[in-house]
């Protein structure tokens, strides 16, 4: 399993401000596999934590290599997805701190993305875990926003600083009235909470213009 990097662009400037590390499995027979083709099995077999740690370490190591070469985009941040088991694992914060120390990347340059489902699977454990992670100086984002629970109380309860609009809504920007309305509403919601908003899967000029 290796990380692929998706750029995160600030629309007001057009500059790449960060990267999301996407887990991909280079299968010897089936080629490049996406997470939906192997992560469910990894969850069942208890390997998802090891895969998550591998992606975290490999992507931070890559970011450190980019920074060592003084590449123009290397001052951006890195965003990494974490699963439910990782979030509530009491040793996870120590793992994150250790990997940051190994790679020399400051905590402020790391964002961890957690889905709504993971956040609300165990609210008490998630609250403690996220506060511990936030105390390291890293940032927290809600992934696939709008594709899970409808309750918004966690935006106040958890120390999240960004929400990511699910790509299924972004795909309909400018084409589907409902999707466009949902994206607009989420952007206003995020701004009203004073948190960042990221649109996932932006692929066409129409989507870009409407966003």
N, C-alpha and C. Protein backbone atom coordinates (compact mmCIF):
# COMPACT_ATOMS: atom_id res chain seq x y z
N UNK A 1 0.85 -1.18 0.00
CA UNK A 1 0.00 0.00 0.00
C UNK A 1 0.89 1.24 0.00
N UNK A 2 0.62 2.16 -0.94
CA UNK A 2 1.46 3.35 -1.08
C UNK A 2 0.58 4.59 -1.14
N UNK A 3 1.14 5.75 -0.77
CA UNK A 3 0.37 7.00 -0.87
C UNK A 3 0.45 7.64 -2.25
N UNK A 4 -0.69 8.11 -2.73
CA UNK A 4 -0.75 8.97 -3.90
C UNK A 4 -1.19 10.35 -3.39
N UNK A 5 -0.79 11.40 -4.08
CA UNK A 5 -1.02 12.74 -3.52
C UNK A 5 -1.96 13.57 -4.39
N UNK A 6 -3.02 14.07 -3.74
CA UNK A 6 -4.00 14.91 -4.41
C UNK A 6 -3.82 16.35 -3.92
N UNK A 7 -3.56 17.29 -4.83
CA UNK A 7 -3.31 18.67 -4.40
C UNK A 7 -4.56 19.34 -3.84
N UNK A 8 -4.35 20.20 -2.86
CA UNK A 8 -5.40 21.03 -2.28
C UNK A 8 -5.08 22.47 -2.67
N UNK A 9 -5.98 23.10 -3.41
CA UNK A 9 -5.71 24.42 -4.00
C UNK A 9 -6.58 25.49 -3.34
N UNK A 10 -5.97 26.61 -3.02
CA UNK A 10 -6.70 27.76 -2.49
C UNK A 10 -7.27 28.55 -3.66
N UNK A 11 -8.60 28.64 -3.72
CA UNK A 11 -9.24 29.22 -4.91
C UNK A 11 -8.93 30.70 -5.10
N UNK A 12 -8.74 31.42 -4.00
CA UNK A 12 -8.51 32.86 -4.15
C UNK A 12 -7.17 33.18 -4.79
N UNK A 13 -6.19 32.27 -4.66
CA UNK A 13 -4.86 32.52 -5.20
C UNK A 13 -4.46 31.54 -6.31
N UNK A 14 -5.10 30.37 -6.34
CA UNK A 14 -4.71 29.34 -7.30
C UNK A 14 -3.48 28.57 -6.88
N UNK A 15 -2.99 28.82 -5.66
CA UNK A 15 -1.78 28.16 -5.18
C UNK A 15 -2.10 26.81 -4.53
N UNK A 16 -1.20 25.85 -4.71
CA UNK A 16 -1.29 24.58 -3.99
C UNK A 16 -0.86 24.84 -2.54
N UNK A 17 -1.78 24.60 -1.62
CA UNK A 17 -1.48 24.86 -0.20
C UNK A 17 -1.28 23.59 0.60
N UNK A 18 -1.57 22.45 -0.02
CA UNK A 18 -1.40 21.19 0.70
C UNK A 18 -1.67 20.00 -0.20
N UNK A 19 -1.56 18.83 0.41
CA UNK A 19 -1.80 17.58 -0.31
C UNK A 19 -2.56 16.62 0.59
N UNK A 20 -3.48 15.88 -0.01
CA UNK A 20 -4.11 14.78 0.71
C UNK A 20 -3.45 13.48 0.28
N UNK A 21 -3.01 12.69 1.25
CA UNK A 21 -2.39 11.40 0.95
C UNK A 21 -3.50 10.36 0.80
N UNK A 22 -3.58 9.75 -0.39
CA UNK A 22 -4.59 8.75 -0.69
C UNK A 22 -3.95 7.36 -0.72
N UNK A 23 -4.51 6.43 0.02
CA UNK A 23 -3.97 5.07 0.06
C UNK A 23 -4.32 4.31 -1.21
N UNK A 24 -3.32 3.71 -1.84
CA UNK A 24 -3.54 2.88 -3.02
C UNK A 24 -2.74 1.58 -2.87
N UNK A 25 -3.30 0.48 -3.33
CA UNK A 25 -2.62 -0.81 -3.26
C UNK A 25 -2.16 -1.19 -4.66
N UNK A 26 -0.85 -1.28 -4.83
CA UNK A 26 -0.28 -1.71 -6.11
C UNK A 26 -0.28 -3.24 -6.14
N UNK A 27 -1.39 -3.81 -6.58
CA UNK A 27 -1.55 -5.26 -6.58
C UNK A 27 -0.77 -5.86 -7.76
N UNK A 28 -0.03 -6.94 -7.53
CA UNK A 28 0.80 -7.52 -8.60
C UNK A 28 0.00 -8.06 -9.78
N UNK A 29 -1.28 -8.38 -9.58
CA UNK A 29 -2.08 -8.94 -10.66
C UNK A 29 -3.23 -8.02 -11.08
N UNK A 30 -3.83 -7.33 -10.12
CA UNK A 30 -5.02 -6.53 -10.40
C UNK A 30 -4.70 -5.05 -10.64
N UNK A 31 -3.45 -4.68 -10.50
CA UNK A 31 -3.07 -3.29 -10.75
C UNK A 31 -3.36 -2.39 -9.56
N UNK A 32 -3.65 -1.12 -9.84
CA UNK A 32 -3.86 -0.11 -8.80
C UNK A 32 -5.27 -0.23 -8.23
N UNK A 33 -5.35 -0.52 -6.92
CA UNK A 33 -6.64 -0.68 -6.25
C UNK A 33 -6.92 0.52 -5.35
N UNK A 34 -8.17 0.98 -5.36
CA UNK A 34 -8.59 2.10 -4.51
C UNK A 34 -9.04 1.59 -3.14
N UNK A 35 -9.12 2.46 -2.13
CA UNK A 35 -9.43 2.02 -0.76
C UNK A 35 -10.70 1.19 -0.63
N UNK A 36 -11.74 1.51 -1.40
CA UNK A 36 -12.98 0.75 -1.28
C UNK A 36 -12.81 -0.71 -1.67
N UNK A 37 -11.69 -1.03 -2.35
CA UNK A 37 -11.45 -2.40 -2.77
C UNK A 37 -10.63 -3.21 -1.77
N UNK A 38 -10.04 -2.53 -0.77
CA UNK A 38 -9.25 -3.29 0.18
C UNK A 38 -9.40 -2.86 1.64
N UNK A 39 -9.86 -1.64 1.90
CA UNK A 39 -9.96 -1.20 3.29
C UNK A 39 -11.04 -1.93 4.11
N UNK A 40 -12.21 -2.28 3.51
CA UNK A 40 -13.19 -3.03 4.30
C UNK A 40 -12.61 -4.34 4.85
N UNK A 41 -11.83 -5.05 4.03
CA UNK A 41 -11.19 -6.29 4.49
C UNK A 41 -10.14 -5.99 5.55
N UNK A 42 -9.43 -4.88 5.36
CA UNK A 42 -8.41 -4.49 6.33
C UNK A 42 -9.05 -4.18 7.68
N UNK A 43 -10.25 -3.57 7.65
CA UNK A 43 -10.98 -3.29 8.89
C UNK A 43 -11.34 -4.59 9.60
N UNK A 44 -11.85 -5.56 8.82
CA UNK A 44 -12.30 -6.84 9.39
C UNK A 44 -11.14 -7.62 9.99
N UNK A 45 -9.98 -7.56 9.35
CA UNK A 45 -8.84 -8.36 9.79
C UNK A 45 -7.94 -7.63 10.79
N UNK A 46 -8.29 -6.37 11.10
CA UNK A 46 -7.51 -5.63 12.08
C UNK A 46 -6.22 -5.04 11.53
N UNK A 47 -6.09 -5.01 10.20
CA UNK A 47 -4.86 -4.48 9.59
C UNK A 47 -4.93 -3.00 9.26
N UNK A 48 -6.12 -2.40 9.42
CA UNK A 48 -6.29 -1.01 8.98
C UNK A 48 -5.39 -0.06 9.76
N UNK A 49 -5.14 -0.37 11.04
CA UNK A 49 -4.26 0.48 11.84
C UNK A 49 -2.84 0.48 11.30
N UNK A 50 -2.36 -0.69 10.93
CA UNK A 50 -1.01 -0.80 10.37
C UNK A 50 -0.90 -0.10 9.03
N UNK A 51 -1.96 -0.23 8.20
CA UNK A 51 -1.97 0.44 6.90
C UNK A 51 -1.98 1.96 7.10
N UNK A 52 -2.81 2.41 8.04
CA UNK A 52 -2.90 3.84 8.31
C UNK A 52 -1.58 4.42 8.79
N UNK A 53 -0.90 3.69 9.67
CA UNK A 53 0.40 4.15 10.16
C UNK A 53 1.43 4.17 9.03
N UNK A 54 1.36 3.18 8.14
CA UNK A 54 2.29 3.12 7.01
C UNK A 54 2.11 4.32 6.09
N UNK A 55 0.83 4.65 5.78
CA UNK A 55 0.56 5.80 4.91
C UNK A 55 1.00 7.09 5.59
N UNK A 56 0.75 7.21 6.89
CA UNK A 56 1.15 8.40 7.64
C UNK A 56 2.66 8.57 7.59
N UNK A 57 3.40 7.50 7.87
CA UNK A 57 4.87 7.58 7.90
C UNK A 57 5.44 7.84 6.50
N UNK A 58 4.94 7.11 5.49
CA UNK A 58 5.47 7.25 4.13
C UNK A 58 5.20 8.65 3.57
N UNK A 59 3.99 9.17 3.82
CA UNK A 59 3.65 10.48 3.26
C UNK A 59 4.39 11.61 3.97
N UNK A 60 4.59 11.50 5.27
CA UNK A 60 5.37 12.52 5.99
C UNK A 60 6.84 12.46 5.58
N UNK A 61 7.33 11.24 5.33
CA UNK A 61 8.70 11.09 4.84
C UNK A 61 8.86 11.74 3.48
N UNK A 62 7.84 11.57 2.62
CA UNK A 62 7.87 12.20 1.29
C UNK A 62 7.85 13.72 1.41
N UNK A 63 7.01 14.24 2.31
CA UNK A 63 6.94 15.68 2.51
C UNK A 63 8.29 16.22 2.99
N UNK A 64 8.94 15.49 3.88
CA UNK A 64 10.25 15.89 4.38
C UNK A 64 11.27 15.91 3.24
N UNK A 65 11.17 14.94 2.33
CA UNK A 65 12.09 14.89 1.18
C UNK A 65 11.86 16.07 0.26
N UNK A 66 10.60 16.43 0.02
CA UNK A 66 10.28 17.60 -0.80
C UNK A 66 10.85 18.86 -0.17
N UNK A 67 10.69 18.97 1.16
CA UNK A 67 11.18 20.16 1.85
C UNK A 67 12.70 20.23 1.83
N UNK A 68 13.35 19.08 1.91
CA UNK A 68 14.81 19.06 1.87
C UNK A 68 15.33 19.55 0.52
N UNK A 69 14.54 19.36 -0.53
CA UNK A 69 14.92 19.81 -1.88
C UNK A 69 14.42 21.22 -2.15
N UNK A 70 13.76 21.82 -1.16
CA UNK A 70 13.26 23.19 -1.25
C UNK A 70 12.35 23.39 -2.46
N UNK A 71 11.49 22.41 -2.71
CA UNK A 71 10.55 22.52 -3.82
C UNK A 71 9.49 23.58 -3.51
N UNK A 72 8.99 24.28 -4.50
CA UNK A 72 8.11 25.42 -4.26
C UNK A 72 6.79 25.09 -3.56
N UNK A 73 6.31 23.85 -3.72
CA UNK A 73 5.05 23.48 -3.10
C UNK A 73 5.23 22.79 -1.75
N UNK A 74 6.49 22.59 -1.34
CA UNK A 74 6.78 21.77 -0.16
C UNK A 74 6.44 22.45 1.16
N UNK A 75 6.13 23.75 1.11
CA UNK A 75 5.76 24.41 2.36
C UNK A 75 4.28 24.21 2.69
N UNK A 76 3.58 23.45 1.84
CA UNK A 76 2.18 23.15 2.08
C UNK A 76 2.01 22.12 3.19
N UNK A 77 0.77 21.88 3.55
CA UNK A 77 0.50 20.92 4.62
C UNK A 77 0.14 19.55 4.03
N UNK A 78 0.13 18.55 4.90
CA UNK A 78 -0.23 17.19 4.49
C UNK A 78 -1.49 16.78 5.22
N UNK A 79 -2.43 16.20 4.50
CA UNK A 79 -3.69 15.75 5.07
C UNK A 79 -3.79 14.24 4.91
N UNK A 80 -4.07 13.54 6.01
CA UNK A 80 -4.09 12.07 6.01
C UNK A 80 -5.38 11.57 6.64
N UNK A 81 -6.01 10.60 6.01
CA UNK A 81 -7.24 10.00 6.56
C UNK A 81 -6.92 9.02 7.68
N UNK A 82 -7.76 9.02 8.71
CA UNK A 82 -7.62 8.04 9.79
C UNK A 82 -8.97 7.38 10.03
N UNK A 83 -8.93 6.10 10.36
CA UNK A 83 -10.14 5.32 10.56
C UNK A 83 -10.63 5.35 12.00
N UNK A 84 -11.80 4.73 12.20
CA UNK A 84 -12.42 4.71 13.52
C UNK A 84 -11.53 4.08 14.57
N UNK A 85 -10.95 2.92 14.25
CA UNK A 85 -10.11 2.23 15.23
C UNK A 85 -8.87 3.02 15.58
N UNK A 86 -8.30 3.72 14.59
CA UNK A 86 -7.12 4.53 14.86
C UNK A 86 -7.46 5.67 15.80
N UNK A 87 -8.59 6.34 15.54
CA UNK A 87 -8.96 7.51 16.34
C UNK A 87 -9.07 7.16 17.82
N UNK A 88 -9.73 6.05 18.14
CA UNK A 88 -9.97 5.71 19.54
C UNK A 88 -8.86 4.87 20.16
N UNK A 89 -7.86 4.49 19.38
CA UNK A 89 -6.72 3.74 19.90
C UNK A 89 -5.92 4.66 20.83
N UNK A 90 -5.79 4.30 22.11
CA UNK A 90 -5.10 5.18 23.06
C UNK A 90 -3.63 5.41 22.75
N UNK A 91 -3.05 4.58 21.88
CA UNK A 91 -1.64 4.74 21.53
C UNK A 91 -1.43 5.57 20.26
N UNK A 92 -2.54 5.92 19.59
CA UNK A 92 -2.41 6.57 18.28
C UNK A 92 -1.72 7.93 18.38
N UNK A 93 -2.07 8.71 19.38
CA UNK A 93 -1.44 10.03 19.53
C UNK A 93 0.07 9.89 19.69
N UNK A 94 0.50 8.86 20.42
CA UNK A 94 1.95 8.63 20.58
C UNK A 94 2.59 8.26 19.26
N UNK A 95 1.87 7.47 18.44
CA UNK A 95 2.39 7.08 17.13
C UNK A 95 2.56 8.32 16.25
N UNK A 96 1.57 9.18 16.24
CA UNK A 96 1.63 10.41 15.44
C UNK A 96 2.80 11.28 15.89
N UNK A 97 2.94 11.45 17.19
CA UNK A 97 4.03 12.27 17.72
C UNK A 97 5.39 11.68 17.33
N UNK A 98 5.50 10.35 17.39
CA UNK A 98 6.76 9.69 17.06
C UNK A 98 7.11 9.86 15.58
N UNK A 99 6.11 9.71 14.70
CA UNK A 99 6.36 9.85 13.26
C UNK A 99 6.74 11.29 12.92
N UNK A 100 6.10 12.26 13.54
CA UNK A 100 6.46 13.66 13.32
C UNK A 100 7.91 13.91 13.75
N UNK A 101 8.29 13.34 14.87
CA UNK A 101 9.65 13.51 15.37
C UNK A 101 10.66 12.84 14.43
N UNK A 102 10.31 11.65 13.93
CA UNK A 102 11.21 10.92 13.02
C UNK A 102 11.45 11.68 11.72
N UNK A 103 10.40 12.29 11.20
CA UNK A 103 10.49 12.94 9.89
C UNK A 103 10.89 14.41 9.98
N UNK A 104 10.78 14.98 11.17
CA UNK A 104 11.13 16.38 11.35
C UNK A 104 10.08 17.35 10.84
N UNK A 105 8.89 16.84 10.55
CA UNK A 105 7.79 17.70 10.08
C UNK A 105 7.08 18.30 11.30
N UNK A 106 6.90 19.62 11.34
CA UNK A 106 6.19 20.22 12.48
C UNK A 106 4.73 19.80 12.53
N UNK A 107 4.19 19.67 13.72
CA UNK A 107 2.81 19.22 13.90
C UNK A 107 1.82 20.12 13.17
N UNK A 108 2.13 21.40 13.06
CA UNK A 108 1.24 22.36 12.42
C UNK A 108 1.04 22.08 10.94
N UNK A 109 1.91 21.26 10.35
CA UNK A 109 1.82 20.94 8.92
C UNK A 109 1.00 19.68 8.66
N UNK A 110 0.46 19.08 9.70
CA UNK A 110 -0.29 17.83 9.54
C UNK A 110 -1.76 18.02 9.88
N UNK A 111 -2.62 17.58 8.96
CA UNK A 111 -4.06 17.53 9.19
C UNK A 111 -4.48 16.06 9.19
N UNK A 112 -5.34 15.69 10.11
CA UNK A 112 -5.92 14.35 10.12
C UNK A 112 -7.40 14.47 9.78
N UNK A 113 -7.85 13.63 8.85
CA UNK A 113 -9.24 13.65 8.41
C UNK A 113 -9.99 12.47 9.00
N UNK A 114 -11.13 12.76 9.64
CA UNK A 114 -11.95 11.73 10.26
C UNK A 114 -13.36 11.85 9.71
N UNK A 115 -13.99 10.72 9.38
CA UNK A 115 -15.35 10.76 8.86
C UNK A 115 -16.36 11.02 9.98
N UNK A 116 -17.54 11.48 9.60
CA UNK A 116 -18.61 11.70 10.57
C UNK A 116 -18.95 10.39 11.30
N UNK A 117 -18.95 9.30 10.55
CA UNK A 117 -19.28 8.00 11.13
C UNK A 117 -18.29 7.63 12.23
N UNK A 118 -17.01 7.86 11.97
CA UNK A 118 -15.97 7.55 12.97
C UNK A 118 -16.11 8.43 14.20
N UNK A 119 -16.41 9.71 13.99
CA UNK A 119 -16.54 10.64 15.11
C UNK A 119 -17.65 10.22 16.07
N UNK A 120 -18.77 9.78 15.50
CA UNK A 120 -19.94 9.52 16.32
C UNK A 120 -20.11 8.05 16.70
N UNK A 121 -19.17 7.20 16.28
CA UNK A 121 -19.26 5.79 16.65
C UNK A 121 -19.12 5.62 18.16
N UNK A 122 -18.23 6.42 18.75
CA UNK A 122 -18.05 6.41 20.20
C UNK A 122 -17.70 7.84 20.60
N UNK A 123 -18.73 8.62 20.90
CA UNK A 123 -18.56 10.06 21.12
C UNK A 123 -17.61 10.35 22.28
N UNK A 124 -17.74 9.63 23.38
CA UNK A 124 -16.90 9.89 24.54
C UNK A 124 -15.43 9.61 24.23
N UNK A 125 -15.17 8.45 23.62
CA UNK A 125 -13.79 8.08 23.29
C UNK A 125 -13.22 9.02 22.23
N UNK A 126 -14.05 9.39 21.26
CA UNK A 126 -13.60 10.29 20.19
C UNK A 126 -13.24 11.66 20.74
N UNK A 127 -14.04 12.15 21.68
CA UNK A 127 -13.78 13.47 22.27
C UNK A 127 -12.43 13.50 22.95
N UNK A 128 -12.15 12.48 23.76
CA UNK A 128 -10.86 12.41 24.46
C UNK A 128 -9.72 12.27 23.46
N UNK A 129 -9.90 11.37 22.46
CA UNK A 129 -8.84 11.11 21.49
C UNK A 129 -8.52 12.35 20.66
N UNK A 130 -9.55 13.05 20.20
CA UNK A 130 -9.32 14.23 19.36
C UNK A 130 -8.67 15.36 20.15
N UNK A 131 -9.03 15.50 21.39
CA UNK A 131 -8.39 16.53 22.21
C UNK A 131 -6.92 16.21 22.43
N UNK A 132 -6.62 14.93 22.61
CA UNK A 132 -5.21 14.52 22.76
C UNK A 132 -4.43 14.80 21.49
N UNK A 133 -5.04 14.49 20.34
CA UNK A 133 -4.38 14.73 19.07
C UNK A 133 -4.20 16.23 18.82
N UNK A 134 -5.24 16.98 19.12
CA UNK A 134 -5.16 18.43 18.91
C UNK A 134 -4.09 19.06 19.81
N UNK A 135 -3.88 18.48 21.00
CA UNK A 135 -2.88 19.02 21.92
C UNK A 135 -1.46 18.88 21.38
N UNK A 136 -1.29 18.00 20.40
CA UNK A 136 0.03 17.84 19.78
C UNK A 136 0.34 19.02 18.85
N UNK A 137 -0.71 19.77 18.48
CA UNK A 137 -0.52 20.88 17.55
C UNK A 137 -0.96 20.59 16.14
N UNK A 138 -1.47 19.37 15.90
CA UNK A 138 -1.95 19.02 14.56
C UNK A 138 -3.38 19.56 14.38
N UNK A 139 -3.88 19.50 13.14
CA UNK A 139 -5.21 20.01 12.83
C UNK A 139 -6.15 18.85 12.49
N UNK A 140 -7.45 19.09 12.68
CA UNK A 140 -8.45 18.04 12.47
C UNK A 140 -9.53 18.50 11.50
N UNK A 141 -9.91 17.61 10.60
CA UNK A 141 -10.95 17.91 9.62
C UNK A 141 -11.97 16.78 9.57
N UNK A 142 -13.20 17.12 9.21
CA UNK A 142 -14.25 16.12 9.01
C UNK A 142 -14.30 15.78 7.53
N UNK A 143 -14.07 14.51 7.21
CA UNK A 143 -14.04 14.06 5.82
C UNK A 143 -15.44 13.66 5.35
N UNK A 144 -15.68 13.77 4.04
CA UNK A 144 -16.95 13.35 3.42
C UNK A 144 -18.16 13.97 4.09
N UNK A 145 -18.06 15.27 4.41
CA UNK A 145 -19.14 15.95 5.13
C UNK A 145 -20.45 15.87 4.35
N UNK A 146 -21.54 15.56 5.07
CA UNK A 146 -22.86 15.48 4.46
C UNK A 146 -23.22 14.10 3.97
N UNK A 147 -22.27 13.16 4.07
CA UNK A 147 -22.51 11.81 3.56
C UNK A 147 -22.74 10.81 4.68
N UNK A 148 -22.85 11.32 5.91
CA UNK A 148 -23.01 10.42 7.05
C UNK A 148 -24.15 10.86 7.93
N UNK A 149 -23.87 11.12 9.20
CA UNK A 149 -24.90 11.51 10.14
C UNK A 149 -25.41 12.92 9.84
N UNK A 150 -26.66 13.18 10.20
CA UNK A 150 -27.23 14.50 9.95
C UNK A 150 -27.02 15.46 11.12
N UNK A 151 -26.63 14.93 12.29
CA UNK A 151 -26.43 15.78 13.45
C UNK A 151 -25.21 16.67 13.25
N UNK A 152 -25.35 17.94 13.59
CA UNK A 152 -24.25 18.89 13.45
C UNK A 152 -23.66 19.27 14.80
N UNK A 153 -24.11 18.65 15.86
CA UNK A 153 -23.63 19.02 17.19
C UNK A 153 -22.14 18.77 17.35
N UNK A 154 -21.58 17.83 16.59
CA UNK A 154 -20.16 17.52 16.75
C UNK A 154 -19.27 18.67 16.29
N UNK A 155 -19.80 19.56 15.44
CA UNK A 155 -18.99 20.70 15.02
C UNK A 155 -18.70 21.61 16.21
N UNK A 156 -19.57 21.57 17.21
CA UNK A 156 -19.35 22.34 18.44
C UNK A 156 -18.62 21.51 19.48
N UNK A 157 -18.90 20.19 19.48
CA UNK A 157 -18.36 19.32 20.52
C UNK A 157 -16.90 18.95 20.29
N UNK A 158 -16.55 18.68 19.02
CA UNK A 158 -15.20 18.22 18.71
C UNK A 158 -14.33 19.37 18.21
N UNK A 159 -13.02 19.31 18.45
CA UNK A 159 -12.13 20.41 18.04
C UNK A 159 -11.72 20.35 16.57
N UNK A 160 -12.73 20.29 15.69
CA UNK A 160 -12.44 20.23 14.25
C UNK A 160 -12.26 21.64 13.69
N UNK A 161 -11.40 21.76 12.70
CA UNK A 161 -11.09 23.08 12.13
C UNK A 161 -11.43 23.18 10.65
N UNK A 162 -11.89 22.09 10.06
CA UNK A 162 -12.25 22.11 8.65
C UNK A 162 -13.27 21.02 8.35
N UNK A 163 -14.09 21.26 7.33
CA UNK A 163 -14.99 20.22 6.84
C UNK A 163 -14.74 20.07 5.34
N UNK A 164 -14.81 18.83 4.88
CA UNK A 164 -14.57 18.53 3.47
C UNK A 164 -15.87 18.06 2.84
N UNK A 165 -16.31 18.78 1.81
CA UNK A 165 -17.57 18.45 1.14
C UNK A 165 -17.38 17.20 0.30
N UNK A 166 -18.25 16.23 0.50
CA UNK A 166 -18.14 14.96 -0.21
C UNK A 166 -18.19 15.16 -1.72
N UNK A 167 -17.35 14.40 -2.44
CA UNK A 167 -17.23 14.55 -3.89
C UNK A 167 -18.53 14.25 -4.63
N UNK A 168 -19.44 13.49 -4.03
CA UNK A 168 -20.70 13.18 -4.68
C UNK A 168 -21.55 14.44 -4.87
N UNK A 169 -21.40 15.42 -3.97
CA UNK A 169 -22.11 16.70 -4.11
C UNK A 169 -21.36 17.63 -5.07
N UNK A 170 -20.03 17.62 -4.98
CA UNK A 170 -19.21 18.49 -5.84
C UNK A 170 -19.42 18.12 -7.31
N UNK A 171 -19.62 16.84 -7.60
CA UNK A 171 -19.80 16.37 -8.97
C UNK A 171 -21.00 17.03 -9.65
N UNK A 172 -21.99 17.42 -8.85
CA UNK A 172 -23.20 18.01 -9.42
C UNK A 172 -23.20 19.53 -9.46
N UNK A 173 -22.10 20.16 -9.08
CA UNK A 173 -22.03 21.62 -9.07
C UNK A 173 -22.32 22.20 -10.46
N UNK A 174 -23.32 23.09 -10.54
CA UNK A 174 -23.66 23.71 -11.81
C UNK A 174 -24.51 22.84 -12.70
N UNK A 175 -24.72 21.58 -12.33
CA UNK A 175 -25.52 20.66 -13.14
C UNK A 175 -26.79 20.23 -12.42
N UNK A 176 -26.66 19.96 -11.15
CA UNK A 176 -27.79 19.50 -10.35
C UNK A 176 -28.12 20.57 -9.30
N UNK A 177 -29.35 21.03 -9.31
CA UNK A 177 -29.76 22.13 -8.42
C UNK A 177 -29.62 21.74 -6.95
N UNK A 178 -29.98 20.50 -6.62
CA UNK A 178 -29.90 20.07 -5.23
C UNK A 178 -28.46 20.00 -4.76
N UNK A 179 -27.58 19.41 -5.57
CA UNK A 179 -26.16 19.32 -5.20
C UNK A 179 -25.55 20.72 -5.04
N UNK A 180 -25.88 21.61 -5.95
CA UNK A 180 -25.35 22.97 -5.88
C UNK A 180 -25.82 23.67 -4.62
N UNK A 181 -27.08 23.48 -4.26
CA UNK A 181 -27.63 24.09 -3.04
C UNK A 181 -26.96 23.53 -1.80
N UNK A 182 -26.72 22.21 -1.80
CA UNK A 182 -26.08 21.57 -0.65
C UNK A 182 -24.66 22.11 -0.47
N UNK A 183 -23.90 22.20 -1.57
CA UNK A 183 -22.53 22.71 -1.48
C UNK A 183 -22.53 24.14 -0.95
N UNK A 184 -23.43 24.96 -1.47
CA UNK A 184 -23.51 26.35 -1.03
C UNK A 184 -23.85 26.42 0.47
N UNK A 185 -24.78 25.57 0.90
CA UNK A 185 -25.19 25.57 2.30
C UNK A 185 -24.05 25.14 3.22
N UNK A 186 -23.29 24.12 2.80
CA UNK A 186 -22.17 23.64 3.62
C UNK A 186 -21.09 24.71 3.73
N UNK A 187 -20.82 25.43 2.63
CA UNK A 187 -19.82 26.50 2.67
C UNK A 187 -20.25 27.58 3.66
N UNK A 188 -21.51 27.99 3.60
CA UNK A 188 -22.00 29.00 4.54
C UNK A 188 -21.96 28.48 5.97
N UNK A 189 -22.29 27.20 6.15
CA UNK A 189 -22.26 26.60 7.48
C UNK A 189 -20.84 26.64 8.04
N UNK A 190 -19.87 26.20 7.24
CA UNK A 190 -18.49 26.21 7.68
C UNK A 190 -18.01 27.59 8.05
N UNK A 191 -18.32 28.56 7.20
CA UNK A 191 -17.87 29.93 7.48
C UNK A 191 -18.54 30.50 8.73
N UNK A 192 -19.79 30.11 8.97
CA UNK A 192 -20.48 30.60 10.17
C UNK A 192 -19.87 30.03 11.44
N UNK A 193 -19.26 28.85 11.34
CA UNK A 193 -18.57 28.25 12.47
C UNK A 193 -17.11 28.72 12.55
N UNK A 194 -16.69 29.48 11.54
CA UNK A 194 -15.31 29.96 11.53
C UNK A 194 -14.30 28.88 11.20
N UNK A 195 -14.70 27.88 10.39
CA UNK A 195 -13.79 26.80 10.04
C UNK A 195 -13.61 26.73 8.52
N UNK A 196 -12.53 26.10 8.10
CA UNK A 196 -12.21 25.99 6.69
C UNK A 196 -13.15 25.00 5.99
N UNK A 197 -13.34 25.20 4.70
CA UNK A 197 -14.14 24.29 3.88
C UNK A 197 -13.33 23.88 2.66
N UNK A 198 -13.27 22.57 2.40
CA UNK A 198 -12.55 22.03 1.25
C UNK A 198 -13.53 21.21 0.42
N UNK A 199 -13.54 21.45 -0.89
CA UNK A 199 -14.40 20.68 -1.80
C UNK A 199 -13.57 19.55 -2.40
N UNK A 200 -14.06 18.33 -2.29
CA UNK A 200 -13.34 17.16 -2.79
C UNK A 200 -13.72 16.84 -4.24
N UNK A 201 -12.74 16.39 -5.01
CA UNK A 201 -13.02 15.87 -6.35
C UNK A 201 -13.39 16.91 -7.38
N UNK A 202 -12.84 18.10 -7.27
CA UNK A 202 -13.10 19.15 -8.26
C UNK A 202 -12.38 18.79 -9.56
N UNK A 203 -13.13 18.65 -10.67
CA UNK A 203 -12.52 18.11 -11.90
C UNK A 203 -12.82 18.90 -13.17
N UNK A 204 -13.83 19.77 -13.17
CA UNK A 204 -14.21 20.44 -14.42
C UNK A 204 -14.23 21.96 -14.23
N UNK A 205 -14.07 22.71 -15.34
CA UNK A 205 -14.18 24.18 -15.28
C UNK A 205 -15.52 24.64 -14.74
N UNK A 206 -16.60 23.91 -15.07
CA UNK A 206 -17.94 24.26 -14.59
C UNK A 206 -17.99 24.17 -13.06
N UNK A 207 -17.48 23.07 -12.52
CA UNK A 207 -17.44 22.91 -11.06
C UNK A 207 -16.61 24.01 -10.42
N UNK A 208 -15.47 24.29 -11.02
CA UNK A 208 -14.58 25.33 -10.48
C UNK A 208 -15.26 26.68 -10.47
N UNK A 209 -15.88 27.04 -11.59
CA UNK A 209 -16.55 28.33 -11.68
C UNK A 209 -17.68 28.48 -10.68
N UNK A 210 -18.46 27.42 -10.50
CA UNK A 210 -19.60 27.48 -9.57
C UNK A 210 -19.10 27.51 -8.14
N UNK A 211 -18.03 26.79 -7.86
CA UNK A 211 -17.48 26.77 -6.50
C UNK A 211 -16.96 28.16 -6.13
